[in-house]
């Protein structure tokens, strides 16, 4: 997931994507704890994607605050 693609989305779409990424990260942690995990690198990718979405949301919020 590229930051460029995320910047094109609306804040509502970003919040939805963040919720789905958090849910995915939870499910991945659960699967790892039960020993069903095949691709352990996916946990790291999900966390980083969530952080990327949060960063873009904060950038958009700061831009909106500076305009007002």
PDB file of N, CA and C in Angstrom:
ATOM      1  N   UNK A   1       0.847  -1.168   0.000  1.00  0.00           N
ATOM      2  CA  UNK A   1       0.000   0.000   0.000  1.00  0.00           C
ATOM      3  C   UNK A   1       0.897   1.236   0.000  1.00  0.00           C
ATOM      4  N   UNK A   2       0.679   2.099  -0.956  1.00  0.00           N
ATOM      5  CA  UNK A   2       1.490   3.303  -1.089  1.00  0.00           C
ATOM      6  C   UNK A   2       0.826   4.484  -0.412  1.00  0.00           C
ATOM      7  N   UNK A   3       1.636   5.390   0.112  1.00  0.00           N
ATOM      8  CA  UNK A   3       1.106   6.605   0.729  1.00  0.00           C
ATOM      9  C   UNK A   3       0.420   7.466  -0.327  1.00  0.00           C
ATOM     10  N   UNK A   4       0.897   7.393  -1.553  1.00  0.00           N
ATOM     11  CA  UNK A   4       0.296   8.170  -2.639  1.00  0.00           C
ATOM     12  C   UNK A   4      -1.164   7.752  -2.846  1.00  0.00           C
ATOM     13  N   UNK A   5      -1.426   6.468  -2.802  1.00  0.00           N
ATOM     14  CA  UNK A   5      -2.795   5.971  -2.957  1.00  0.00           C
ATOM     15  C   UNK A   5      -3.660   6.401  -1.780  1.00  0.00           C
ATOM     16  N   UNK A   6      -3.085   6.411  -0.589  1.00  0.00           N
ATOM     17  CA  UNK A   6      -3.840   6.779   0.599  1.00  0.00           C
ATOM     18  C   UNK A   6      -4.210   8.258   0.599  1.00  0.00           C
ATOM     19  N   UNK A   7      -3.332   9.097   0.084  1.00  0.00           N
ATOM     20  CA  UNK A   7      -3.600  10.541   0.070  1.00  0.00           C
ATOM     21  C   UNK A   7      -4.778  10.899  -0.828  1.00  0.00           C
ATOM     22  N   UNK A   8      -5.091  10.038  -1.767  1.00  0.00           N
ATOM     23  CA  UNK A   8      -6.211  10.292  -2.672  1.00  0.00           C
ATOM     24  C   UNK A   8      -7.559   9.955  -2.038  1.00  0.00           C
ATOM     25  N   UNK A   9      -7.540   9.241  -0.927  1.00  0.00           N
ATOM     26  CA  UNK A   9      -8.785   8.811  -0.291  1.00  0.00           C
ATOM     27  C   UNK A   9      -9.305   9.889   0.657  1.00  0.00           C
ATOM     28  N   UNK A  10     -10.609   9.810   0.939  1.00  0.00           N
ATOM     29  CA  UNK A  10     -11.222  10.737   1.881  1.00  0.00           C
ATOM     30  C   UNK A  10     -10.943  10.267   3.306  1.00  0.00           C
ATOM     31  N   UNK A  11     -11.073  11.168   4.281  1.00  0.00           N
ATOM     32  CA  UNK A  11     -10.848  10.747   5.670  1.00  0.00           C
ATOM     33  C   UNK A  11     -11.776   9.618   6.119  1.00  0.00           C
ATOM     34  N   UNK A  12     -13.018   9.602   5.638  1.00  0.00           N
ATOM     35  CA  UNK A  12     -13.925   8.509   6.010  1.00  0.00           C
ATOM     36  C   UNK A  12     -13.435   7.173   5.465  1.00  0.00           C
ATOM     37  N   UNK A  13     -12.961   7.174   4.235  1.00  0.00           N
ATOM     38  CA  UNK A  13     -12.433   5.942   3.652  1.00  0.00           C
ATOM     39  C   UNK A  13     -11.192   5.487   4.414  1.00  0.00           C
ATOM     40  N   UNK A  14     -10.365   6.449   4.837  1.00  0.00           N
ATOM     41  CA  UNK A  14      -9.159   6.096   5.586  1.00  0.00           C
ATOM     42  C   UNK A  14      -9.511   5.504   6.941  1.00  0.00           C
ATOM     43  N   UNK A  15     -10.534   6.045   7.603  1.00  0.00           N
ATOM     44  CA  UNK A  15     -10.952   5.501   8.900  1.00  0.00           C
ATOM     45  C   UNK A  15     -11.473   4.077   8.749  1.00  0.00           C
ATOM     46  N   UNK A  16     -12.222   3.827   7.671  1.00  0.00           N
ATOM     47  CA  UNK A  16     -12.717   2.466   7.421  1.00  0.00           C
ATOM     48  C   UNK A  16     -11.558   1.508   7.187  1.00  0.00           C
ATOM     49  N   UNK A  17     -10.573   1.974   6.414  1.00  0.00           N
ATOM     50  CA  UNK A  17      -9.424   1.121   6.121  1.00  0.00           C
ATOM     51  C   UNK A  17      -8.614   0.872   7.400  1.00  0.00           C
ATOM     52  N   UNK A  18      -8.502   1.877   8.241  1.00  0.00           N
ATOM     53  CA  UNK A  18      -7.782   1.709   9.497  1.00  0.00           C
ATOM     54  C   UNK A  18      -8.476   0.677  10.380  1.00  0.00           C
ATOM     55  N   UNK A  19      -9.788   0.745  10.434  1.00  0.00           N
ATOM     56  CA  UNK A  19     -10.537  -0.239  11.231  1.00  0.00           C
ATOM     57  C   UNK A  19     -10.319  -1.649  10.703  1.00  0.00           C
ATOM     58  N   UNK A  20     -10.337  -1.811   9.396  1.00  0.00           N
ATOM     59  CA  UNK A  20     -10.135  -3.148   8.831  1.00  0.00           C
ATOM     60  C   UNK A  20      -8.702  -3.635   9.067  1.00  0.00           C
ATOM     61  N   UNK A  21      -7.733  -2.726   9.019  1.00  0.00           N
ATOM     62  CA  UNK A  21      -6.349  -3.123   9.278  1.00  0.00           C
ATOM     63  C   UNK A  21      -6.155  -3.526  10.733  1.00  0.00           C
ATOM     64  N   UNK A  22      -6.797  -2.819  11.650  1.00  0.00           N
ATOM     65  CA  UNK A  22      -6.702  -3.192  13.060  1.00  0.00           C
ATOM     66  C   UNK A  22      -7.346  -4.543  13.309  1.00  0.00           C
ATOM     67  N   UNK A  23      -8.469  -4.780  12.646  1.00  0.00           N
ATOM     68  CA  UNK A  23      -9.142  -6.074  12.788  1.00  0.00           C
ATOM     69  C   UNK A  23      -8.256  -7.188  12.226  1.00  0.00           C
ATOM     70  N   UNK A  24      -7.629  -6.921  11.089  1.00  0.00           N
ATOM     71  CA  UNK A  24      -6.739  -7.915  10.488  1.00  0.00           C
ATOM     72  C   UNK A  24      -5.551  -8.199  11.402  1.00  0.00           C
ATOM     73  N   UNK A  25      -4.969  -7.154  11.995  1.00  0.00           N
ATOM     74  CA  UNK A  25      -3.835  -7.335  12.894  1.00  0.00           C
ATOM     75  C   UNK A  25      -4.241  -8.170  14.104  1.00  0.00           C
ATOM     76  N   UNK A  26      -5.439  -7.930  14.634  1.00  0.00           N
ATOM     77  CA  UNK A  26      -5.927  -8.726  15.759  1.00  0.00           C
ATOM     78  C   UNK A  26      -6.054 -10.188  15.365  1.00  0.00           C
ATOM     79  N   UNK A  27      -6.669 -10.438  14.209  1.00  0.00           N
ATOM     80  CA  UNK A  27      -6.838 -11.814  13.751  1.00  0.00           C
ATOM     81  C   UNK A  27      -5.496 -12.497  13.515  1.00  0.00           C
ATOM     82  N   UNK A  28      -4.536 -11.748  12.983  1.00  0.00           N
ATOM     83  CA  UNK A  28      -3.212 -12.320  12.751  1.00  0.00           C
ATOM     84  C   UNK A  28      -2.524 -12.672  14.068  1.00  0.00           C
ATOM     85  N   UNK A  29      -2.642 -11.795  15.069  1.00  0.00           N
ATOM     86  CA  UNK A  29      -2.051 -12.102  16.381  1.00  0.00           C
ATOM     87  C   UNK A  29      -2.712 -13.331  16.985  1.00  0.00           C
ATOM     88  N   UNK A  30      -4.006 -13.443  16.819  1.00  0.00           N
ATOM     89  CA  UNK A  30      -4.736 -14.593  17.354  1.00  0.00           C
ATOM     90  C   UNK A  30      -4.263 -15.874  16.670  1.00  0.00           C
ATOM     91  N   UNK A  31      -4.122 -15.818  15.346  1.00  0.00           N
ATOM     92  CA  UNK A  31      -3.675 -17.005  14.616  1.00  0.00           C
ATOM     93  C   UNK A  31      -2.248 -17.374  14.977  1.00  0.00           C
ATOM     94  N   UNK A  32      -1.413 -16.377  15.249  1.00  0.00           N
ATOM     95  CA  UNK A  32      -0.039 -16.673  15.641  1.00  0.00           C
ATOM     96  C   UNK A  32      -0.009 -17.350  17.006  1.00  0.00           C
ATOM     97  N   UNK A  33      -0.856 -16.895  17.906  1.00  0.00           N
ATOM     98  CA  UNK A  33      -0.887 -17.473  19.247  1.00  0.00           C
ATOM     99  C   UNK A  33      -1.363 -18.922  19.227  1.00  0.00           C
ATOM    100  N   UNK A  34      -2.237 -19.247  18.279  1.00  0.00           N
ATOM    101  CA  UNK A  34      -2.745 -20.614  18.200  1.00  0.00           C
ATOM    102  C   UNK A  34      -1.883 -21.499  17.304  1.00  0.00           C
ATOM    103  N   UNK A  35      -0.852 -20.919  16.705  1.00  0.00           N
ATOM    104  CA  UNK A  35       0.068 -21.706  15.889  1.00  0.00           C
ATOM    105  C   UNK A  35      -0.410 -21.949  14.474  1.00  0.00           C
ATOM    106  N   UNK A  36      -1.383 -21.202  13.996  1.00  0.00           N
ATOM    107  CA  UNK A  36      -1.908 -21.383  12.647  1.00  0.00           C
ATOM    108  C   UNK A  36      -1.295 -20.415  11.643  1.00  0.00           C
ATOM    109  N   UNK A  37      -0.338 -19.620  12.072  1.00  0.00           N
ATOM    110  CA  UNK A  37       0.241 -18.576  11.236  1.00  0.00           C
ATOM    111  C   UNK A  37       1.195 -19.168  10.208  1.00  0.00           C
ATOM    112  N   UNK A  38       1.018 -18.791   8.956  1.00  0.00           N
ATOM    113  CA  UNK A  38       1.910 -19.259   7.901  1.00  0.00           C
ATOM    114  C   UNK A  38       2.895 -18.160   7.501  1.00  0.00           C
ATOM    115  N   UNK A  39       2.384 -16.946   7.317  1.00  0.00           N
ATOM    116  CA  UNK A  39       3.220 -15.837   6.876  1.00  0.00           C
ATOM    117  C   UNK A  39       3.347 -14.833   8.022  1.00  0.00           C
ATOM    118  N   UNK A  40       4.403 -14.973   8.812  1.00  0.00           N
ATOM    119  CA  UNK A  40       4.558 -14.114   9.978  1.00  0.00           C
ATOM    120  C   UNK A  40       4.886 -12.671   9.601  1.00  0.00           C
ATOM    121  N   UNK A  41       5.378 -12.441   8.418  1.00  0.00           N
ATOM    122  CA  UNK A  41       5.705 -11.081   7.986  1.00  0.00           C
ATOM    123  C   UNK A  41       4.453 -10.242   7.781  1.00  0.00           C
ATOM    124  N   UNK A  42       3.309 -10.888   7.636  1.00  0.00           N
ATOM    125  CA  UNK A  42       2.063 -10.153   7.412  1.00  0.00           C
ATOM    126  C   UNK A  42       1.669  -9.321   8.634  1.00  0.00           C
ATOM    127  N   UNK A  43       2.049  -9.761   9.837  1.00  0.00           N
ATOM    128  CA  UNK A  43       1.758  -8.993  11.053  1.00  0.00           C
ATOM    129  C   UNK A  43       2.462  -7.641  10.974  1.00  0.00           C
ATOM    130  N   UNK A  44       3.717  -7.680  10.634  1.00  0.00           N
ATOM    131  CA  UNK A  44       4.497  -6.447  10.519  1.00  0.00           C
ATOM    132  C   UNK A  44       3.932  -5.541   9.440  1.00  0.00           C
ATOM    133  N   UNK A  45       3.554  -6.111   8.311  1.00  0.00           N
ATOM    134  CA  UNK A  45       3.000  -5.317   7.216  1.00  0.00           C
ATOM    135  C   UNK A  45       1.678  -4.669   7.618  1.00  0.00           C
ATOM    136  N   UNK A  46       0.846  -5.397   8.331  1.00  0.00           N
ATOM    137  CA  UNK A  46      -0.450  -4.844   8.765  1.00  0.00           C
ATOM    138  C   UNK A  46      -0.240  -3.695   9.741  1.00  0.00           C
ATOM    139  N   UNK A  47       0.704  -3.857  10.663  1.00  0.00           N
ATOM    140  CA  UNK A  47       0.986  -2.775  11.619  1.00  0.00           C
ATOM    141  C   UNK A  47       1.507  -1.536  10.911  1.00  0.00           C
ATOM    142  N   UNK A  48       2.384  -1.739   9.961  1.00  0.00           N
ATOM    143  CA  UNK A  48       2.952  -0.600   9.232  1.00  0.00           C
ATOM    144  C   UNK A  48       1.916   0.073   8.353  1.00  0.00           C
ATOM    145  N   UNK A  49       1.038  -0.705   7.734  1.00  0.00           N
ATOM    146  CA  UNK A  49      -0.035  -0.125   6.935  1.00  0.00           C
ATOM    147  C   UNK A  49      -0.965   0.717   7.806  1.00  0.00           C
ATOM    148  N   UNK A  50      -1.271   0.222   9.004  1.00  0.00           N
ATOM    149  CA  UNK A  50      -2.119   0.982   9.931  1.00  0.00           C
ATOM    150  C   UNK A  50      -1.429   2.284  10.328  1.00  0.00           C
ATOM    151  N   UNK A  51      -0.153   2.239  10.576  1.00  0.00           N
ATOM    152  CA  UNK A  51       0.593   3.442  10.930  1.00  0.00           C
ATOM    153  C   UNK A  51       0.605   4.436   9.765  1.00  0.00           C
ATOM    154  N   UNK A  52       0.725   3.904   8.556  1.00  0.00           N
ATOM    155  CA  UNK A  52       0.707   4.754   7.368  1.00  0.00           C
ATOM    156  C   UNK A  52      -0.632   5.475   7.235  1.00  0.00           C
ATOM    157  N   UNK A  53      -1.714   4.753   7.477  1.00  0.00           N
ATOM    158  CA  UNK A  53      -3.047   5.348   7.394  1.00  0.00           C
ATOM    159  C   UNK A  53      -3.210   6.420   8.467  1.00  0.00           C
ATOM    160  N   UNK A  54      -2.742   6.140   9.682  1.00  0.00           N
ATOM    161  CA  UNK A  54      -2.831   7.122  10.765  1.00  0.00           C
ATOM    162  C   UNK A  54      -2.052   8.389  10.425  1.00  0.00           C
ATOM    163  N   UNK A  55      -0.892   8.225   9.831  1.00  0.00           N
ATOM    164  CA  UNK A  55      -0.075   9.369   9.456  1.00  0.00           C
ATOM    165  C   UNK A  55      -0.796  10.248   8.444  1.00  0.00           C
ATOM    166  N   UNK A  56      -1.392   9.636   7.441  1.00  0.00           N
ATOM    167  CA  UNK A  56      -2.112  10.401   6.419  1.00  0.00           C
ATOM    168  C   UNK A  56      -3.314  11.101   7.033  1.00  0.00           C
ATOM    169  N   UNK A  57      -4.038  10.418   7.940  1.00  0.00           N
ATOM    170  CA  UNK A  57      -5.173  11.045   8.623  1.00  0.00           C
ATOM    171  C   UNK A  57      -4.719  12.271   9.413  1.00  0.00           C
ATOM    172  N   UNK A  58      -3.591  12.153  10.117  1.00  0.00           N
ATOM    173  CA  UNK A  58      -3.080  13.285  10.881  1.00  0.00           C
ATOM    174  C   UNK A  58      -2.644  14.426   9.971  1.00  0.00           C
ATOM    175  N   UNK A  59      -2.066  14.111   8.818  1.00  0.00           N
ATOM    176  CA  UNK A  59      -1.676  15.148   7.862  1.00  0.00           C
ATOM    177  C   UNK A  59      -2.908  15.889   7.357  1.00  0.00           C
ATOM    178  N   UNK A  60      -3.959  15.136   7.047  1.00  0.00           N
ATOM    179  CA  UNK A  60      -5.183  15.760   6.554  1.00  0.00           C
ATOM    180  C   UNK A  60      -5.841  16.621   7.633  1.00  0.00           C
ATOM    181  N   UNK A  61      -5.807  16.167   8.876  1.00  0.00           N
ATOM    182  CA  UNK A  61      -6.381  16.932   9.980  1.00  0.00           C
ATOM    183  C   UNK A  61      -5.594  18.217  10.211  1.00  0.00           C
ATOM    184  N   UNK A  62      -4.279  18.152  10.129  1.00  0.00           N
ATOM    185  CA  UNK A  62      -3.450  19.335  10.317  1.00  0.00           C
ATOM    186  C   UNK A  62      -3.678  20.333   9.183  1.00  0.00           C
ATOM    187  N   UNK A  63      -3.829  19.834   7.960  1.00  0.00           N
ATOM    188  CA  UNK A  63      -4.082  20.727   6.832  1.00  0.00           C
ATOM    189  C   UNK A  63      -5.436  21.416   6.972  1.00  0.00           C
ATOM    190  N   UNK A  64      -6.436  20.685   7.432  1.00  0.00           N
ATOM    191  CA  UNK A  64      -7.766  21.258   7.628  1.00  0.00           C
ATOM    192  C   UNK A  64      -7.745  22.290   8.752  1.00  0.00           C
ATOM    193  N   UNK A  65      -6.967  22.043   9.789  1.00  0.00           N
ATOM    194  CA  UNK A  65      -6.891  22.975  10.923  1.00  0.00           C
ATOM    195  C   UNK A  65      -6.169  24.260  10.521  1.00  0.00           C
ATOM    196  N   UNK A  66      -5.165  24.142   9.686  1.00  0.00           N
ATOM    197  CA  UNK A  66      -4.402  25.330   9.274  1.00  0.00           C
ATOM    198  C   UNK A  66      -5.206  26.200   8.296  1.00  0.00           C
ATOM    199  N   UNK A  67      -6.125  25.574   7.559  1.00  0.00           N
ATOM    200  CA  UNK A  67      -6.970  26.341   6.631  1.00  0.00           C
ATOM    201  C   UNK A  67      -8.026  27.141   7.375  1.00  0.00           C
ATOM    202  N   UNK A  68      -8.481  26.611   8.489  1.00  0.00           N
ATOM    203  CA  UNK A  68      -9.577  27.255   9.215  1.00  0.00           C
ATOM    204  C   UNK A  68      -9.108  28.367  10.128  1.00  0.00           C
TER     205      UNK A  68
END
